[in-house]
Amino acid sequence: MKFVSIVMGSKSDFDVMKECATTLEKFGVPYELIISSAHRSPERTKNYIKDAEERGAQVFIAAAGMAAHLAGALAATTTKPVLGVPMESGPLKGEDALLSTVMMPAGMPVGTVAIGKAGATNAAYLAIQIMALQDDELRVKLQEDRIAKAKKVELDSAEIEVRL
């Protein structure tokens, strides 16, 4: 079975990353969610990635704060797409995580999204878009979601519009 793997560096990331899981559920995309640290449990991380690939993981989403090497550790272990979600933490409020996630060496890409909940949601959408490349039903769901979002903008505007 094809699925998305969500790997978080610590339990404190779950409040943000449940947005990612909720978005995947909305589209009916199967996912796994685990905690594994690039620094505190590197062997667990490496072993999980290999096992998840063998079982059908198509996209990996990694959430980490501060040094934020988790997405890079995943990218070093797999050739599947890796999306990094920088977590807001520490004195730099996630800017260090953003830079650590986005500044990968050439040939080891990590698709990096915004810090926090918006990033978690967008990581799910990107994973869905990647999976939709080979799944027409999922592609249609994405198109319908875009149409619904556009209609909501029109309805919201109609409630407050003032025109001359």
N, C-alpha and C. Protein backbone atom coordinates (compact mmCIF):
# COMPACT_ATOMS: atom_id res chain seq x y z
N MET A 1 0.84 -1.18 0.00
CA MET A 1 0.00 0.00 0.00
C MET A 1 0.89 1.25 0.00
N LYS A 2 0.55 2.21 -0.82
CA LYS A 2 1.28 3.47 -0.88
C LYS A 2 0.81 4.38 0.26
N PHE A 3 1.77 5.05 0.90
CA PHE A 3 1.42 5.93 2.01
C PHE A 3 2.46 7.03 2.17
N VAL A 4 2.11 8.00 3.01
CA VAL A 4 3.01 9.10 3.38
C VAL A 4 3.52 8.81 4.78
N SER A 5 4.78 9.05 4.99
CA SER A 5 5.38 8.86 6.31
C SER A 5 5.67 10.22 6.93
N ILE A 6 5.15 10.42 8.14
CA ILE A 6 5.41 11.64 8.90
C ILE A 6 6.34 11.25 10.05
N VAL A 7 7.51 11.88 10.09
CA VAL A 7 8.48 11.60 11.14
C VAL A 7 8.73 12.90 11.89
N MET A 8 8.54 12.84 13.21
CA MET A 8 8.73 14.01 14.05
C MET A 8 9.94 13.79 14.94
N GLY A 9 10.68 14.85 15.21
CA GLY A 9 11.85 14.75 16.06
C GLY A 9 11.53 14.57 17.52
N SER A 10 10.35 15.04 17.96
CA SER A 10 9.96 14.87 19.36
C SER A 10 8.45 14.96 19.50
N LYS A 11 7.96 14.51 20.63
CA LYS A 11 6.52 14.50 20.89
C LYS A 11 5.94 15.92 20.89
N SER A 12 6.75 16.89 21.25
CA SER A 12 6.26 18.27 21.29
C SER A 12 5.87 18.79 19.89
N ASP A 13 6.30 18.10 18.84
CA ASP A 13 5.96 18.50 17.47
C ASP A 13 4.55 18.07 17.07
N PHE A 14 3.95 17.18 17.85
CA PHE A 14 2.67 16.59 17.45
C PHE A 14 1.55 17.61 17.34
N ASP A 15 1.48 18.59 18.23
CA ASP A 15 0.40 19.58 18.16
C ASP A 15 0.36 20.29 16.81
N VAL A 16 1.51 20.51 16.22
CA VAL A 16 1.58 21.13 14.89
C VAL A 16 1.34 20.08 13.80
N MET A 17 1.97 18.94 13.92
CA MET A 17 1.94 17.95 12.85
C MET A 17 0.60 17.22 12.74
N LYS A 18 -0.26 17.35 13.74
CA LYS A 18 -1.59 16.76 13.58
C LYS A 18 -2.36 17.48 12.47
N GLU A 19 -1.97 18.73 12.15
CA GLU A 19 -2.55 19.44 11.00
C GLU A 19 -2.21 18.72 9.71
N CYS A 20 -1.00 18.22 9.63
CA CYS A 20 -0.55 17.47 8.47
C CYS A 20 -1.37 16.18 8.35
N ALA A 21 -1.49 15.47 9.46
CA ALA A 21 -2.24 14.21 9.46
C ALA A 21 -3.71 14.44 9.10
N THR A 22 -4.30 15.48 9.65
CA THR A 22 -5.71 15.80 9.37
C THR A 22 -5.92 16.08 7.89
N THR A 23 -4.98 16.79 7.28
CA THR A 23 -5.09 17.10 5.85
C THR A 23 -4.99 15.83 5.01
N LEU A 24 -4.07 14.95 5.35
CA LEU A 24 -3.96 13.68 4.63
C LEU A 24 -5.24 12.86 4.78
N GLU A 25 -5.80 12.84 5.99
CA GLU A 25 -7.05 12.11 6.23
C GLU A 25 -8.19 12.68 5.38
N LYS A 26 -8.25 13.99 5.26
CA LYS A 26 -9.29 14.66 4.47
C LYS A 26 -9.32 14.16 3.03
N PHE A 27 -8.14 13.82 2.51
CA PHE A 27 -8.04 13.33 1.13
C PHE A 27 -8.00 11.81 1.04
N GLY A 28 -8.10 11.14 2.18
CA GLY A 28 -8.08 9.68 2.19
C GLY A 28 -6.72 9.10 1.90
N VAL A 29 -5.66 9.84 2.20
CA VAL A 29 -4.30 9.37 1.95
C VAL A 29 -3.78 8.67 3.20
N PRO A 30 -3.43 7.40 3.09
CA PRO A 30 -2.89 6.68 4.25
C PRO A 30 -1.55 7.28 4.68
N TYR A 31 -1.32 7.26 5.98
CA TYR A 31 -0.05 7.80 6.50
C TYR A 31 0.36 7.04 7.76
N GLU A 32 1.63 7.13 8.05
CA GLU A 32 2.18 6.69 9.33
C GLU A 32 2.75 7.91 10.01
N LEU A 33 2.79 7.88 11.32
CA LEU A 33 3.34 8.98 12.08
C LEU A 33 4.18 8.39 13.22
N ILE A 34 5.45 8.75 13.25
CA ILE A 34 6.31 8.25 14.32
C ILE A 34 7.19 9.38 14.85
N ILE A 35 7.79 9.13 16.01
CA ILE A 35 8.81 10.02 16.56
C ILE A 35 10.15 9.32 16.43
N SER A 36 11.10 10.00 15.83
CA SER A 36 12.45 9.49 15.71
C SER A 36 13.38 10.68 15.53
N SER A 37 14.47 10.68 16.23
CA SER A 37 15.36 11.83 16.22
C SER A 37 16.63 11.55 15.43
N ALA A 38 17.04 12.52 14.63
CA ALA A 38 18.29 12.40 13.88
C ALA A 38 19.48 12.32 14.83
N HIS A 39 19.35 12.95 16.00
CA HIS A 39 20.46 13.00 16.95
C HIS A 39 20.34 11.97 18.07
N ARG A 40 19.15 11.83 18.62
CA ARG A 40 18.98 10.95 19.78
C ARG A 40 18.73 9.49 19.41
N SER A 41 18.22 9.25 18.22
CA SER A 41 17.96 7.86 17.79
C SER A 41 18.28 7.68 16.31
N PRO A 42 19.53 7.92 15.90
CA PRO A 42 19.86 7.86 14.48
C PRO A 42 19.65 6.48 13.85
N GLU A 43 19.93 5.43 14.58
CA GLU A 43 19.73 4.08 14.03
C GLU A 43 18.26 3.79 13.83
N ARG A 44 17.42 4.20 14.80
CA ARG A 44 15.97 4.03 14.67
C ARG A 44 15.49 4.75 13.41
N THR A 45 15.97 5.97 13.22
CA THR A 45 15.57 6.76 12.06
C THR A 45 15.95 6.05 10.76
N LYS A 46 17.19 5.65 10.66
CA LYS A 46 17.68 4.99 9.45
C LYS A 46 16.92 3.69 9.19
N ASN A 47 16.74 2.89 10.22
CA ASN A 47 16.03 1.61 10.07
C ASN A 47 14.57 1.82 9.68
N TYR A 48 13.94 2.84 10.27
CA TYR A 48 12.54 3.10 9.94
C TYR A 48 12.39 3.49 8.46
N ILE A 49 13.26 4.36 7.99
CA ILE A 49 13.16 4.82 6.60
C ILE A 49 13.25 3.64 5.64
N LYS A 50 14.21 2.79 5.85
CA LYS A 50 14.38 1.62 4.97
C LYS A 50 13.15 0.72 5.03
N ASP A 51 12.64 0.47 6.22
CA ASP A 51 11.46 -0.38 6.39
C ASP A 51 10.23 0.26 5.74
N ALA A 52 10.04 1.57 5.97
CA ALA A 52 8.88 2.26 5.40
C ALA A 52 8.92 2.24 3.88
N GLU A 53 10.09 2.42 3.30
CA GLU A 53 10.23 2.34 1.84
C GLU A 53 9.80 0.96 1.33
N GLU A 54 10.25 -0.06 2.00
CA GLU A 54 9.92 -1.43 1.59
C GLU A 54 8.42 -1.70 1.67
N ARG A 55 7.73 -1.01 2.59
CA ARG A 55 6.30 -1.22 2.78
C ARG A 55 5.44 -0.27 1.95
N GLY A 56 6.06 0.67 1.20
CA GLY A 56 5.29 1.49 0.28
C GLY A 56 5.29 2.98 0.53
N ALA A 57 6.12 3.48 1.42
CA ALA A 57 6.18 4.93 1.64
C ALA A 57 6.58 5.61 0.33
N GLN A 58 5.81 6.63 -0.06
CA GLN A 58 6.07 7.35 -1.30
C GLN A 58 6.70 8.71 -1.05
N VAL A 59 6.36 9.32 0.08
CA VAL A 59 6.85 10.65 0.44
C VAL A 59 7.11 10.64 1.93
N PHE A 60 8.19 11.30 2.34
CA PHE A 60 8.50 11.44 3.76
C PHE A 60 8.35 12.91 4.15
N ILE A 61 7.69 13.15 5.26
CA ILE A 61 7.57 14.49 5.82
C ILE A 61 8.28 14.48 7.16
N ALA A 62 9.24 15.37 7.32
CA ALA A 62 10.04 15.41 8.55
C ALA A 62 9.82 16.74 9.26
N ALA A 63 9.50 16.68 10.54
CA ALA A 63 9.29 17.88 11.34
C ALA A 63 10.33 17.93 12.44
N ALA A 64 11.05 19.04 12.53
CA ALA A 64 12.05 19.18 13.58
C ALA A 64 12.31 20.66 13.85
N GLY A 65 12.70 20.93 15.07
CA GLY A 65 13.03 22.29 15.47
C GLY A 65 14.51 22.43 15.78
N MET A 66 14.89 23.62 16.08
CA MET A 66 16.25 23.99 16.44
C MET A 66 17.26 23.52 15.38
N ALA A 67 18.13 22.56 15.66
CA ALA A 67 19.13 22.14 14.68
C ALA A 67 18.48 21.53 13.44
N ALA A 68 17.33 20.90 13.61
CA ALA A 68 16.48 20.44 12.50
C ALA A 68 17.19 19.61 11.44
N HIS A 69 17.97 18.64 11.85
CA HIS A 69 18.67 17.81 10.89
C HIS A 69 17.86 16.59 10.45
N LEU A 70 16.67 16.42 10.97
CA LEU A 70 15.89 15.23 10.67
C LEU A 70 15.59 15.09 9.18
N ALA A 71 15.12 16.14 8.54
CA ALA A 71 14.81 16.05 7.10
C ALA A 71 16.06 15.71 6.30
N GLY A 72 17.19 16.28 6.66
CA GLY A 72 18.44 15.98 5.98
C GLY A 72 18.87 14.54 6.19
N ALA A 73 18.65 14.03 7.39
CA ALA A 73 18.98 12.63 7.68
C ALA A 73 18.12 11.70 6.83
N LEU A 74 16.84 12.06 6.67
CA LEU A 74 15.97 11.26 5.82
C LEU A 74 16.43 11.34 4.37
N ALA A 75 16.73 12.54 3.90
CA ALA A 75 17.16 12.72 2.51
C ALA A 75 18.44 11.95 2.22
N ALA A 76 19.29 11.80 3.22
CA ALA A 76 20.54 11.06 3.04
C ALA A 76 20.30 9.55 2.97
N THR A 77 19.12 9.11 3.44
CA THR A 77 18.83 7.68 3.52
C THR A 77 17.92 7.19 2.40
N THR A 78 17.16 8.09 1.78
CA THR A 78 16.18 7.68 0.77
C THR A 78 16.30 8.53 -0.49
N THR A 79 15.82 7.99 -1.59
CA THR A 79 15.71 8.78 -2.81
C THR A 79 14.27 9.22 -3.05
N LYS A 80 13.37 8.88 -2.13
CA LYS A 80 11.99 9.35 -2.20
C LYS A 80 11.95 10.84 -1.84
N PRO A 81 10.90 11.55 -2.25
CA PRO A 81 10.81 12.96 -1.87
C PRO A 81 10.73 13.13 -0.35
N VAL A 82 11.47 14.11 0.14
CA VAL A 82 11.45 14.47 1.56
C VAL A 82 11.00 15.92 1.68
N LEU A 83 10.00 16.15 2.50
CA LEU A 83 9.49 17.49 2.76
C LEU A 83 9.79 17.84 4.21
N GLY A 84 10.39 18.98 4.44
CA GLY A 84 10.76 19.38 5.79
C GLY A 84 9.84 20.46 6.33
N VAL A 85 9.39 20.25 7.57
CA VAL A 85 8.56 21.24 8.26
C VAL A 85 9.38 21.77 9.44
N PRO A 86 9.88 23.00 9.33
CA PRO A 86 10.60 23.59 10.47
C PRO A 86 9.62 23.90 11.60
N MET A 87 10.03 23.55 12.82
CA MET A 87 9.17 23.77 13.97
C MET A 87 9.61 25.02 14.72
N GLU A 88 8.62 25.76 15.20
CA GLU A 88 8.92 26.96 15.98
C GLU A 88 9.35 26.52 17.37
N SER A 89 10.60 26.80 17.70
CA SER A 89 11.11 26.44 19.02
C SER A 89 12.37 27.23 19.30
N GLY A 90 12.76 27.25 20.58
CA GLY A 90 14.00 27.90 20.97
C GLY A 90 13.98 29.40 20.84
N PRO A 91 15.11 30.01 21.13
CA PRO A 91 15.18 31.47 21.13
C PRO A 91 15.02 32.11 19.76
N LEU A 92 15.27 31.34 18.69
CA LEU A 92 15.15 31.90 17.35
C LEU A 92 13.77 31.65 16.74
N LYS A 93 12.87 31.05 17.48
CA LYS A 93 11.46 30.85 17.10
C LYS A 93 11.29 30.14 15.75
N GLY A 94 12.18 29.20 15.46
CA GLY A 94 12.05 28.39 14.26
C GLY A 94 12.88 28.86 13.08
N GLU A 95 13.46 30.05 13.16
CA GLU A 95 14.27 30.51 12.03
C GLU A 95 15.51 29.64 11.85
N ASP A 96 16.07 29.15 12.96
CA ASP A 96 17.22 28.24 12.86
C ASP A 96 16.80 26.93 12.21
N ALA A 97 15.61 26.44 12.56
CA ALA A 97 15.10 25.20 11.96
C ALA A 97 14.84 25.39 10.46
N LEU A 98 14.31 26.55 10.11
CA LEU A 98 14.06 26.85 8.70
C LEU A 98 15.36 26.81 7.90
N LEU A 99 16.37 27.49 8.39
CA LEU A 99 17.64 27.53 7.68
C LEU A 99 18.31 26.16 7.64
N SER A 100 18.24 25.41 8.73
CA SER A 100 18.84 24.07 8.75
C SER A 100 18.13 23.13 7.78
N THR A 101 16.85 23.33 7.60
CA THR A 101 16.07 22.46 6.73
C THR A 101 16.26 22.82 5.26
N VAL A 102 16.30 24.09 4.97
CA VAL A 102 16.36 24.53 3.57
C VAL A 102 17.78 24.49 2.99
N MET A 103 18.79 24.62 3.82
CA MET A 103 20.17 24.73 3.33
C MET A 103 20.83 23.36 3.21
N MET A 104 20.36 22.58 2.26
CA MET A 104 20.90 21.24 2.02
C MET A 104 21.95 21.31 0.91
N PRO A 105 22.95 20.40 0.97
CA PRO A 105 23.94 20.40 -0.10
C PRO A 105 23.33 19.96 -1.42
N ALA A 106 23.93 20.39 -2.51
CA ALA A 106 23.45 20.03 -3.85
C ALA A 106 23.35 18.51 -3.97
N GLY A 107 22.24 18.06 -4.52
CA GLY A 107 22.03 16.64 -4.72
C GLY A 107 21.33 15.95 -3.57
N MET A 108 21.07 16.66 -2.47
CA MET A 108 20.35 16.12 -1.31
C MET A 108 19.17 17.04 -0.99
N PRO A 109 18.21 17.15 -1.90
CA PRO A 109 17.15 18.14 -1.71
C PRO A 109 16.16 17.77 -0.61
N VAL A 110 15.68 18.79 0.06
CA VAL A 110 14.56 18.70 0.99
C VAL A 110 13.61 19.83 0.61
N GLY A 111 12.40 19.48 0.21
CA GLY A 111 11.40 20.49 -0.06
C GLY A 111 10.99 21.10 1.27
N THR A 112 11.20 22.38 1.44
CA THR A 112 10.99 23.02 2.73
C THR A 112 9.80 23.95 2.67
N VAL A 113 8.94 23.84 3.69
CA VAL A 113 7.74 24.67 3.77
C VAL A 113 7.88 25.66 4.92
N ALA A 114 6.84 26.41 5.17
CA ALA A 114 6.85 27.43 6.21
C ALA A 114 6.98 26.82 7.61
N ILE A 115 7.36 27.63 8.55
CA ILE A 115 7.46 27.23 9.95
C ILE A 115 6.06 27.00 10.51
N GLY A 116 5.86 25.91 11.22
CA GLY A 116 4.65 25.69 12.00
C GLY A 116 3.47 25.09 11.25
N LYS A 117 2.25 25.44 11.73
CA LYS A 117 1.02 24.79 11.26
C LYS A 117 0.75 24.97 9.78
N ALA A 118 0.98 26.18 9.26
CA ALA A 118 0.78 26.38 7.82
C ALA A 118 1.74 25.49 7.03
N GLY A 119 2.95 25.36 7.50
CA GLY A 119 3.91 24.50 6.85
C GLY A 119 3.50 23.04 6.92
N ALA A 120 2.97 22.61 8.06
CA ALA A 120 2.52 21.23 8.22
C ALA A 120 1.39 20.93 7.23
N THR A 121 0.45 21.85 7.10
CA THR A 121 -0.65 21.67 6.16
C THR A 121 -0.12 21.64 4.72
N ASN A 122 0.77 22.57 4.39
CA ASN A 122 1.31 22.60 3.03
C ASN A 122 2.18 21.39 2.71
N ALA A 123 2.87 20.85 3.70
CA ALA A 123 3.64 19.62 3.47
C ALA A 123 2.70 18.49 3.08
N ALA A 124 1.55 18.41 3.75
CA ALA A 124 0.56 17.39 3.39
C ALA A 124 0.06 17.61 1.97
N TYR A 125 -0.26 18.85 1.63
CA TYR A 125 -0.73 19.13 0.27
C TYR A 125 0.33 18.78 -0.78
N LEU A 126 1.57 19.10 -0.51
CA LEU A 126 2.64 18.75 -1.45
C LEU A 126 2.76 17.23 -1.60
N ALA A 127 2.68 16.52 -0.48
CA ALA A 127 2.74 15.05 -0.54
C ALA A 127 1.57 14.50 -1.36
N ILE A 128 0.40 15.07 -1.17
CA ILE A 128 -0.78 14.65 -1.93
C ILE A 128 -0.59 14.94 -3.41
N GLN A 129 -0.04 16.10 -3.74
CA GLN A 129 0.21 16.44 -5.14
C GLN A 129 1.21 15.46 -5.77
N ILE A 130 2.22 15.08 -5.02
CA ILE A 130 3.20 14.12 -5.53
C ILE A 130 2.53 12.79 -5.79
N MET A 131 1.72 12.33 -4.85
CA MET A 131 1.05 11.05 -5.00
C MET A 131 0.00 11.10 -6.11
N ALA A 132 -0.59 12.27 -6.33
CA ALA A 132 -1.61 12.42 -7.37
C ALA A 132 -1.04 12.31 -8.78
N LEU A 133 0.26 12.40 -8.92
CA LEU A 133 0.88 12.22 -10.23
C LEU A 133 0.58 10.83 -10.80
N GLN A 134 0.34 9.87 -9.92
CA GLN A 134 0.04 8.50 -10.35
C GLN A 134 -1.33 8.03 -9.87
N ASP A 135 -2.18 8.97 -9.46
CA ASP A 135 -3.48 8.60 -8.91
C ASP A 135 -4.52 9.63 -9.37
N ASP A 136 -5.27 9.27 -10.42
CA ASP A 136 -6.24 10.21 -10.99
C ASP A 136 -7.34 10.58 -10.01
N GLU A 137 -7.77 9.65 -9.17
CA GLU A 137 -8.82 9.94 -8.19
C GLU A 137 -8.34 11.01 -7.20
N LEU A 138 -7.11 10.90 -6.78
CA LEU A 138 -6.54 11.89 -5.87
C LEU A 138 -6.39 13.24 -6.56
N ARG A 139 -6.01 13.22 -7.83
CA ARG A 139 -5.89 14.46 -8.61
C ARG A 139 -7.23 15.18 -8.69
N VAL A 140 -8.30 14.43 -8.91
CA VAL A 140 -9.65 15.02 -8.96
C VAL A 140 -10.02 15.62 -7.61
N LYS A 141 -9.69 14.94 -6.52
CA LYS A 141 -9.97 15.48 -5.18
C LYS A 141 -9.24 16.80 -4.96
N LEU A 142 -8.01 16.88 -5.44
CA LEU A 142 -7.26 18.14 -5.31
C LEU A 142 -7.92 19.25 -6.12
N GLN A 143 -8.36 18.93 -7.33
CA GLN A 143 -9.04 19.93 -8.15
C GLN A 143 -10.33 20.40 -7.48
N GLU A 144 -11.08 19.48 -6.93
CA GLU A 144 -12.32 19.84 -6.23
C GLU A 144 -12.04 20.71 -5.01
N ASP A 145 -10.95 20.41 -4.31
CA ASP A 145 -10.56 21.21 -3.14
C ASP A 145 -10.22 22.64 -3.56
N ARG A 146 -9.53 22.80 -4.68
CA ARG A 146 -9.19 24.14 -5.17
C ARG A 146 -10.46 24.92 -5.53
N ILE A 147 -11.40 24.24 -6.17
CA ILE A 147 -12.67 24.89 -6.54
C ILE A 147 -13.42 25.32 -5.29
N ALA A 148 -13.45 24.46 -4.28
CA ALA A 148 -14.14 24.79 -3.02
C ALA A 148 -13.48 25.98 -2.34
N LYS A 149 -12.16 26.05 -2.36
CA LYS A 149 -11.46 27.18 -1.75
C LYS A 149 -11.79 28.49 -2.49
N ALA A 150 -11.85 28.43 -3.80
CA ALA A 150 -12.18 29.62 -4.58
C ALA A 150 -13.62 30.08 -4.29
N LYS A 151 -14.54 29.14 -4.18
CA LYS A 151 -15.93 29.48 -3.86
C LYS A 151 -16.04 30.12 -2.49
N LYS A 152 -15.24 29.61 -1.53
CA LYS A 152 -15.28 30.17 -0.17
C LYS A 152 -14.82 31.62 -0.18
N VAL A 153 -13.81 31.94 -0.97
CA VAL A 153 -13.35 33.33 -1.08
C VAL A 153 -14.49 34.21 -1.59
N GLU A 154 -15.21 33.74 -2.61
CA GLU A 154 -16.32 34.51 -3.16
C GLU A 154 -17.43 34.69 -2.14
N LEU A 155 -17.75 33.63 -1.39
CA LEU A 155 -18.81 33.72 -0.37
C LEU A 155 -18.39 34.67 0.75
N ASP A 156 -17.14 34.56 1.20
CA ASP A 156 -16.65 35.46 2.25
C ASP A 156 -16.71 36.91 1.78
N SER A 157 -16.32 37.13 0.54
CA SER A 157 -16.34 38.48 0.01
C SER A 157 -17.77 39.01 -0.09
N ALA A 158 -18.69 38.16 -0.53
CA ALA A 158 -20.09 38.58 -0.67
C ALA A 158 -20.68 39.04 0.65
N GLU A 159 -20.20 38.48 1.76
CA GLU A 159 -20.71 38.87 3.08
C GLU A 159 -20.30 40.28 3.49
N ILE A 160 -19.19 40.78 2.95
CA ILE A 160 -18.70 42.08 3.40
C ILE A 160 -18.44 43.07 2.28
N GLU A 161 -18.66 42.67 1.04
CA GLU A 161 -18.33 43.51 -0.11
C GLU A 161 -19.04 44.85 -0.08
N VAL A 162 -18.28 45.85 -0.46
CA VAL A 162 -18.83 47.17 -0.71
C VAL A 162 -18.27 47.59 -2.07
N ARG A 163 -19.16 47.82 -3.02
CA ARG A 163 -18.74 48.23 -4.35
C ARG A 163 -19.45 49.49 -4.75
N LEU A 164 -18.83 50.27 -5.60
CA LEU A 164 -19.47 51.48 -6.13
C LEU A 164 -20.11 51.19 -7.45
